[in-house]
Amino acid sequence: MPLNIDWQQILLHWMNLAILTGGLYILLYKPVKGFIAKREEHYRQLDEQAAQKLAEAERVHAEYQAKLDGADEEIHQARAKAQQAIQQSTEDQLAQAKEQARQIVAHAQTEAEQSRERVLRESQRELRKLAAQATKKLAFQADPFDQFLDLAEEGEEYEE
């Protein structure tokens, strides 16, 4: 053997290497590979659960958004109804106010007409009375002293 190579030693080293590799494969590689596979499975399940929860959250969000949109529409309709009711109430009150104003004006016109007629009657009566007094004075032009005495008895003032 020229280089001091012993084929038997090489073969034993190769066998030791194969046994060591097989033992390490059985003792370390398989358990590590199983651990990694379990870990991958665990994280895959977590990812699936997260995806399911995300889908559920999106579905719930969509439901709540639909409910909010429905509530917004209901609020809009309620607001429109309230505005219509307010407008109708305002129109009713305005109509009542106009009717009351018309009644007040009609009543005031009636009272004014009655007052005018009463004033006319009183003024006609007063004119008749004055005309009668004037006629009486002209017809009975008596002595001013007698007139004074007559007026004093009646309680009126003397006019000349």
Protein backbone atom coordinates (compact mmCIF):
# COMPACT_ATOMS: atom_id res chain seq x y z
CA MET A 1 0.00 0.00 0.00
CA PRO A 2 1.71 2.90 -1.22
CA LEU A 3 -0.05 5.74 0.50
CA ASN A 4 -0.95 3.85 3.55
CA ILE A 5 -4.53 3.45 2.38
CA ASP A 6 -6.35 0.61 3.98
CA TRP A 7 -9.50 -0.31 2.14
CA GLN A 8 -10.88 -1.97 5.17
CA GLN A 9 -10.58 1.24 7.19
CA ILE A 10 -12.23 3.21 4.40
CA LEU A 11 -15.06 0.71 4.28
CA LEU A 12 -15.49 0.86 8.05
CA HIS A 13 -15.51 4.64 7.96
CA TRP A 14 -18.14 4.46 5.24
CA MET A 15 -20.20 2.09 7.34
CA ASN A 16 -19.81 4.29 10.40
CA LEU A 17 -20.90 7.26 8.35
CA ALA A 18 -23.92 5.34 7.02
CA ILE A 19 -24.86 4.13 10.53
CA LEU A 20 -24.37 7.62 11.96
CA THR A 21 -26.41 9.16 9.13
CA GLY A 22 -29.17 6.54 9.57
CA GLY A 23 -29.19 6.96 13.34
CA LEU A 24 -29.25 10.73 13.10
CA TYR A 25 -31.99 10.43 10.47
CA ILE A 26 -34.06 8.27 12.78
CA LEU A 27 -33.25 10.14 15.99
CA LEU A 28 -33.23 13.72 14.75
CA TYR A 29 -34.60 14.19 11.22
CA LYS A 30 -37.87 12.30 11.64
CA PRO A 31 -38.84 13.96 14.96
CA VAL A 32 -37.83 17.40 13.70
CA LYS A 33 -39.69 16.82 10.44
CA GLY A 34 -42.77 15.63 12.41
CA PHE A 35 -42.52 18.64 14.73
CA ILE A 36 -42.29 20.99 11.75
CA ALA A 37 -45.23 19.23 10.06
CA LYS A 38 -47.32 19.57 13.25
CA ARG A 39 -46.31 23.17 13.54
CA GLU A 40 -47.20 23.83 9.89
CA GLU A 41 -50.54 22.09 10.44
CA HIS A 42 -51.16 24.18 13.56
CA TYR A 43 -50.41 27.44 11.73
CA ARG A 44 -52.46 26.31 8.71
CA GLN A 45 -55.41 25.67 11.07
CA LEU A 46 -54.88 29.06 12.70
CA ASP A 47 -54.81 30.64 9.24
CA GLU A 48 -58.03 28.84 8.27
CA GLN A 49 -59.68 29.89 11.53
CA ALA A 50 -58.55 33.48 10.98
CA ALA A 51 -59.91 33.37 7.42
CA GLN A 52 -63.22 31.97 8.70
CA LYS A 53 -63.42 34.60 11.43
CA LEU A 54 -62.55 37.29 8.91
CA ALA A 55 -65.27 36.05 6.56
CA GLU A 56 -67.73 35.94 9.47
CA ALA A 57 -66.72 39.46 10.52
CA GLU A 58 -67.17 40.71 6.96
CA ARG A 59 -70.59 39.04 6.80
CA VAL A 60 -71.61 40.59 10.13
CA HIS A 61 -70.23 43.93 8.96
CA ALA A 62 -72.27 43.66 5.76
CA GLU A 63 -75.40 42.82 7.81
CA TYR A 64 -74.86 45.78 10.13
CA GLN A 65 -74.15 48.04 7.18
CA ALA A 66 -77.40 46.88 5.57
CA LYS A 67 -79.21 47.54 8.86
CA LEU A 68 -77.62 50.98 9.11
CA ASP A 69 -78.64 51.76 5.55
CA GLY A 70 -82.17 50.60 6.38
CA ALA A 71 -82.14 52.72 9.53
CA ASP A 72 -80.90 55.72 7.56
CA GLU A 73 -83.74 55.22 5.10
CA GLU A 74 -86.24 54.90 7.96
CA ILE A 75 -84.85 58.06 9.55
CA HIS A 76 -85.12 59.85 6.22
CA GLN A 77 -88.72 58.70 5.80
CA ALA A 78 -89.59 59.64 9.38
CA ARG A 79 -88.00 63.06 8.86
CA ALA A 80 -89.98 63.53 5.64
CA LYS A 81 -93.21 62.53 7.42
CA ALA A 82 -92.44 64.90 10.29
CA GLN A 83 -91.77 67.74 7.87
CA GLN A 84 -95.03 67.00 6.06
CA ALA A 85 -96.88 66.93 9.39
CA ILE A 86 -95.28 70.22 10.41
CA GLN A 87 -96.14 71.77 7.07
CA GLN A 88 -99.73 70.50 7.32
CA SER A 89 -99.99 71.80 10.89
CA THR A 90 -98.61 75.16 9.79
CA GLU A 91 -101.08 75.33 6.93
CA ASP A 92 -103.95 74.38 9.27
CA GLN A 93 -102.91 77.03 11.80
CA LEU A 94 -102.56 79.59 9.02
CA ALA A 95 -106.04 78.70 7.74
CA GLN A 96 -107.44 78.99 11.28
CA ALA A 97 -105.70 82.34 11.75
CA LYS A 98 -107.11 83.59 8.44
CA GLU A 99 -110.59 82.41 9.44
CA GLN A 100 -110.29 84.12 12.82
CA ALA A 101 -109.07 87.30 11.13
CA ARG A 102 -111.99 87.15 8.70
CA GLN A 103 -114.41 86.67 11.62
CA ILE A 104 -112.81 89.52 13.56
CA VAL A 105 -113.02 91.81 10.53
CA ALA A 106 -116.65 90.80 9.90
CA HIS A 107 -117.50 91.38 13.57
CA ALA A 108 -115.70 94.74 13.53
CA GLN A 109 -117.58 95.74 10.36
CA THR A 110 -120.88 94.74 11.95
CA GLU A 111 -120.07 96.68 15.10
CA ALA A 112 -118.93 99.68 13.05
CA GLU A 113 -122.15 99.56 11.04
CA GLN A 114 -124.22 99.33 14.22
CA SER A 115 -122.24 102.15 15.82
CA ARG A 116 -122.63 104.25 12.68
CA GLU A 117 -126.38 103.66 12.67
CA ARG A 118 -126.60 104.48 16.39
CA VAL A 119 -124.60 107.67 15.89
CA LEU A 120 -126.83 108.59 12.94
CA ARG A 121 -129.98 108.00 15.01
CA GLU A 122 -128.60 110.00 17.92
CA SER A 123 -127.48 112.83 15.66
CA GLN A 124 -130.90 112.87 13.92
CA ARG A 125 -132.61 112.93 17.31
CA GLU A 126 -130.29 115.74 18.42
CA LEU A 127 -130.98 117.63 15.18
CA ARG A 128 -134.73 117.24 15.66
CA LYS A 129 -134.42 118.44 19.23
CA LEU A 130 -132.31 121.43 18.16
CA ALA A 131 -134.73 122.19 15.32
CA ALA A 132 -137.64 122.00 17.74
CA GLN A 133 -135.86 124.30 20.16
CA ALA A 134 -134.98 126.73 17.40
CA THR A 135 -138.55 126.67 16.15
CA LYS A 136 -139.80 127.18 19.65
CA LYS A 137 -137.47 130.13 20.16
CA LEU A 138 -138.51 131.70 16.89
CA ALA A 139 -142.19 131.09 17.42
CA PHE A 140 -142.29 132.24 20.97
CA GLN A 141 -140.00 135.13 21.02
CA ALA A 142 -140.82 136.26 24.40
CA ASP A 143 -139.16 138.45 26.74
CA PRO A 144 -135.55 137.48 27.43
CA PHE A 145 -136.28 137.61 31.09
CA ASP A 146 -139.08 135.08 30.69
CA GLN A 147 -136.81 132.88 28.61
CA PHE A 148 -134.19 133.07 31.29
CA LEU A 149 -136.67 132.03 33.90
CA ASP A 150 -138.01 129.20 31.74
CA LEU A 151 -134.56 127.89 31.13
CA ALA A 152 -133.63 128.18 34.75
CA GLU A 153 -136.63 126.08 35.65
CA GLU A 154 -135.65 123.46 33.08
CA GLY A 155 -132.06 123.48 34.31
CA GLU A 156 -130.50 124.46 30.99
CA GLU A 157 -128.15 127.30 30.29
CA TYR A 158 -129.27 130.44 28.60
CA GLU A 159 -128.14 131.01 25.05
CA GLU A 160 -128.71 134.11 23.06
